[in-house]
Protein backbone atom coordinates (compact mmCIF):
# COMPACT_ATOMS: atom_id res chain seq x y z
CA MET A 1 0.00 0.00 0.00
CA TYR A 2 1.29 3.47 -0.84
CA VAL A 3 0.00 7.03 -1.32
CA ARG A 4 0.72 8.96 -4.53
CA ASP A 5 -0.49 12.02 -6.43
CA ALA A 6 -3.81 11.58 -8.20
CA LYS A 7 -3.71 11.32 -11.97
CA ASN A 8 -5.91 13.34 -14.33
CA ARG A 9 -7.56 10.15 -15.61
CA GLU A 10 -8.80 9.45 -12.04
CA GLU A 11 -11.01 12.52 -12.03
CA VAL A 12 -14.25 10.59 -12.63
CA TRP A 13 -13.33 7.98 -10.00
CA LEU A 14 -12.61 10.72 -7.47
CA LEU A 15 -15.81 12.64 -8.21
CA ASP A 16 -17.91 9.46 -7.99
CA HIS A 17 -16.53 8.58 -4.55
CA ILE A 18 -16.63 12.16 -3.27
CA GLU A 19 -20.32 12.28 -4.19
CA SER A 20 -21.17 8.84 -2.79
CA MET A 21 -19.46 9.70 0.53
CA GLY A 22 -21.08 13.15 0.72
CA LEU A 23 -17.73 14.94 0.74
CA ASP A 24 -16.87 18.44 -0.44
CA ASP A 25 -16.18 18.85 -4.16
CA THR A 26 -15.98 22.65 -4.13
CA ALA A 27 -13.42 23.97 -6.63
CA PHE A 28 -12.50 20.38 -7.57
CA ARG A 29 -9.08 19.87 -9.18
CA SER A 30 -7.76 16.31 -9.40
CA ARG A 31 -4.16 17.53 -9.14
CA ASP A 32 -4.83 18.66 -5.55
CA TYR A 33 -5.57 15.06 -4.48
CA VAL A 34 -3.53 12.10 -3.34
CA VAL A 35 -4.72 8.51 -3.70
CA ALA A 36 -3.89 5.45 -1.59
CA VAL A 37 -3.26 2.45 -3.83
CA ASP A 38 -2.76 -1.24 -3.09
CA GLU A 39 0.55 -2.11 -4.73
CA VAL A 40 -0.46 -5.74 -5.36
CA SER A 41 -3.93 -5.35 -6.89
CA GLY A 42 -3.66 -1.73 -8.05
CA GLN A 43 -6.99 -0.99 -6.36
CA LYS A 44 -7.54 2.51 -5.04
CA ALA A 45 -8.39 2.52 -1.33
CA GLY A 46 -8.69 6.18 -0.31
CA PHE A 47 -7.99 9.80 -1.17
CA GLY A 48 -7.70 13.32 0.20
CA ARG A 49 -6.95 16.87 -0.84
CA ILE A 50 -5.17 20.02 0.19
CA ARG A 51 -6.76 23.24 -0.97
CA ILE A 52 -4.86 26.51 -1.01
CA HIS A 53 -6.86 29.68 -0.34
CA ARG A 54 -5.52 33.10 -1.31
CA THR A 55 -6.01 35.85 1.23
CA ASP A 56 -6.49 39.54 0.63
CA PRO A 57 -2.99 40.97 0.10
CA GLU A 58 -4.06 44.05 2.09
CA GLU A 59 -4.62 41.95 5.21
CA GLU A 60 -1.87 41.21 7.70
CA GLY A 61 -0.43 37.70 7.85
CA PRO A 62 0.34 35.11 5.20
CA ASN A 63 -1.01 35.51 1.65
CA GLU A 64 -2.17 31.90 1.49
CA VAL A 65 -3.71 29.37 3.86
CA CYS A 66 -3.88 25.61 3.47
CA GLU A 67 -6.97 23.48 4.12
CA LEU A 68 -7.08 19.69 4.33
CA THR A 69 -10.39 18.46 2.91
CA SER A 70 -12.33 15.65 1.23
CA ILE A 71 -10.63 12.71 2.94
CA GLY A 72 -12.33 9.45 2.10
CA VAL A 73 -11.56 5.76 2.52
CA LEU A 74 -13.53 3.11 0.64
CA GLU A 75 -15.59 0.81 2.84
CA GLY A 76 -13.50 -2.36 2.49
CA TRP A 77 -10.27 -0.51 3.34
CA ARG A 78 -11.31 1.24 6.56
CA ASP A 79 -9.61 0.80 9.94
CA GLN A 80 -6.30 -0.17 8.31
CA GLY A 81 -4.42 3.14 8.40
CA VAL A 82 -5.35 4.24 4.87
CA GLY A 83 -6.88 7.56 5.94
CA ALA A 84 -4.01 8.21 8.36
CA HIS A 85 -1.45 7.81 5.58
CA VAL A 86 -3.46 10.05 3.25
CA VAL A 87 -3.47 12.75 5.96
CA GLU A 88 0.26 12.25 6.56
CA ARG A 89 1.08 12.67 2.86
CA LEU A 90 -1.09 15.79 2.55
CA LEU A 91 0.63 17.37 5.56
CA GLU A 92 4.04 16.53 4.07
CA TYR A 93 3.02 18.31 0.86
CA ALA A 94 1.75 21.30 2.81
CA GLY A 95 5.04 21.50 4.73
CA ASP A 96 7.01 21.23 1.48
CA GLU A 97 4.98 24.17 0.14
CA GLY A 98 5.99 26.26 3.15
CA PHE A 99 2.85 25.98 5.27
CA ASP A 100 3.54 25.69 8.99
CA THR A 101 -0.15 25.39 9.86
CA VAL A 102 -2.90 23.44 8.10
CA TYR A 103 -6.62 23.80 8.79
CA ALA A 104 -9.55 21.40 8.46
CA LEU A 105 -13.29 22.05 8.63
CA THR A 106 -15.02 18.79 9.46
CA GLY A 107 -17.65 17.03 11.52
CA GLU A 108 -15.13 14.20 12.01
CA SER A 109 -12.93 16.12 14.46
CA ALA A 110 -12.33 13.09 16.72
CA TYR A 111 -10.67 11.26 13.81
CA LEU A 112 -8.23 14.08 13.07
CA ALA A 113 -7.58 14.73 16.78
CA ARG A 114 -5.84 11.31 16.90
CA PHE A 115 -3.06 12.80 14.75
CA GLY A 116 -2.59 16.06 16.64
CA PHE A 117 -5.25 18.33 15.13
CA ARG A 118 -6.84 20.57 17.73
CA ARG A 119 -10.12 22.41 17.68
CA ILE A 120 -10.06 26.19 17.47
CA ASP A 121 -12.74 28.86 17.60
CA ALA A 122 -14.17 29.94 14.25
CA GLU A 123 -12.95 33.49 14.99
CA GLN A 124 -9.37 32.18 14.91
CA LEU A 125 -9.70 31.05 11.29
CA PRO A 126 -8.00 33.09 8.58
CA ALA A 127 -10.51 35.21 6.62
CA PRO A 128 -11.01 32.89 3.61
CA LEU A 129 -11.69 29.93 5.90
CA GLU A 130 -14.16 31.84 8.08
CA LYS A 131 -16.42 32.29 5.05
CA ARG A 132 -15.77 28.72 3.88
CA HIS A 133 -16.65 27.35 7.33
CA GLY A 134 -20.08 28.98 7.16
CA GLU A 135 -20.66 27.73 3.61
CA LYS A 136 -19.54 24.21 4.47
CA ARG A 137 -21.83 24.03 7.52
CA GLU A 138 -24.72 25.26 5.43
CA ARG A 139 -24.17 23.13 2.32
CA ILE A 140 -22.23 19.96 3.16
CA ASP A 141 -21.52 19.24 6.83
CA SER A 142 -23.68 20.96 9.43
CA ASP A 143 -21.41 19.59 12.18
CA ALA A 144 -18.18 20.98 10.68
CA VAL A 145 -15.86 22.53 13.25
CA PRO A 146 -12.52 24.27 12.63
CA LEU A 147 -9.32 22.39 13.43
CA GLN A 148 -5.67 23.19 12.95
CA ILE A 149 -2.32 21.46 13.19
CA GLU A 150 1.25 22.60 12.86
CA THR A 151 2.73 20.40 10.13
CA ASP A 152 5.58 19.24 12.35
CA ARG A 153 3.14 18.12 15.10
CA PHE A 154 1.50 15.30 13.12
CA ARG A 155 1.71 11.96 14.94
CA MET A 156 0.88 8.60 13.38
CA PRO A 157 -0.31 5.97 15.87
CA GLU A 158 2.04 2.99 15.50
CA ARG A 159 -0.93 0.62 15.20
CA LEU A 160 -2.06 2.42 12.03
CA ARG A 161 1.45 2.48 10.57
CA GLU A 162 1.68 -1.29 10.99
CA ALA A 163 -1.86 -1.93 9.74
CA PHE A 164 -1.15 0.04 6.57
CA LYS A 165 1.80 -2.18 5.68
CA GLY A 166 -0.48 -5.22 5.40
CA ALA A 167 -3.75 -3.54 4.42
CA THR A 168 -6.07 -5.67 2.30
CA GLU A 169 -9.57 -5.06 1.08
CA GLN A 170 -12.06 -6.57 3.51
CA PRO A 171 -15.29 -8.08 2.18
CA GLU A 172 -18.27 -5.81 2.69
CA GLU A 173 -20.95 -7.02 5.02
CA ASP A 174 -23.86 -8.72 3.32
CA ASP A 175 -26.82 -6.33 3.38
CA ASP A 176 -29.29 -8.73 1.72
CA GLU A 177 -32.42 -8.87 3.80
CA SER A 178 -34.07 -12.18 4.45
CA ALA A 179 -37.45 -13.21 5.78
CA GLU A 180 -35.82 -13.87 9.15
CA ASP A 181 -34.79 -10.19 9.35
CA PHE A 182 -38.48 -9.34 9.54
CA GLY A 183 -39.36 -12.04 12.07
CA ILE A 184 -40.85 -14.40 9.47
CA ASP A 185 -40.18 -18.11 9.71
CA PRO A 186 -39.76 -19.18 6.07
CA GLU A 187 -40.64 -22.81 6.94
CA THR A 188 -44.15 -21.98 8.14
CA ALA A 189 -44.96 -18.79 6.22
CA THR A 190 -47.68 -18.81 3.60
CA TYR A 191 -47.46 -16.65 0.51
CA LYS A 192 -50.20 -14.89 -1.37
CA TYR A 193 -48.64 -15.93 -4.66
CA ASP A 194 -47.02 -19.26 -5.44
CA THR A 195 -43.26 -18.82 -5.14
CA GLY A 196 -42.50 -22.41 -5.99
CA ARG A 197 -41.76 -23.43 -2.41
């Protein structure tokens, strides 16, 4: 398993999974994403994005801020460190681009807190993210709260680092409903129409 830059041809795959997971596709650009890939099967297991926001040059402070967003792990790959490694790679990229601090606006704050993200007040957000926070809460994630992390403070739990090394796609749980799920004994049930039983 490894994490690499997304390729342009993966745009449809990314958009399909972003939509199915109810994630944020605002200002979508596939080149902003990374993808976790199983090196044996070539299957894609997860993805995430950093989004750079330009600030008003008249304002004090940095001219750009970095947001971590749209992190998703496919069902069969969850709980194996895939998301953690996507976050790690995104923070490495942010650090390489000169960002000391990265922000996230999410309802999944407990997940990111495991890696060192901490919650902040909305008033502490840089101007472009204050507006974005309101829009995100209104349009995508009503539970979104602002988080931040200094890029050098990221911590990967050792359990997730080890799990990622041997990650394999797990079979999805069978969601087929049966008569028993509704309290019907198929041996004694009668049917209005002949089902051939």
